[in-house]
Amino acid sequence: MAVCSQCGECIDVCPTGALYRDKAGVVRLKKKDCVGCLSCVGFCPTATMYYHADYVEPIKCISCGLCTKECPTGAITIEVLSG
């Protein structure tokens, strides 16, 4: 499972400015500004932005760690990469 590296490539390709960094540096999506063009999905190098037919806007990993806590087998981990 991929976790967003917070590289910001999605911010650079968003034509409406719907993607931004919050105060902690996490890339967030302003749903009201998203037009659903999915450019961010195509440019995401970690494939952590994806499309689901039930939603207009893309779905994005925010590195919250909830998946690591909820995984019943402990198979999901989030590691800080140096460099």
Foldseek 3Di string as FASTA:
>chain_A
DFAQPLPCPLCVPQPQNQWDADPVSFIDGNVVRDQQPCPSCVPRPRNQWADDPVDSHIDGHRVPCPCCVPPPVNPDDDDDDDD
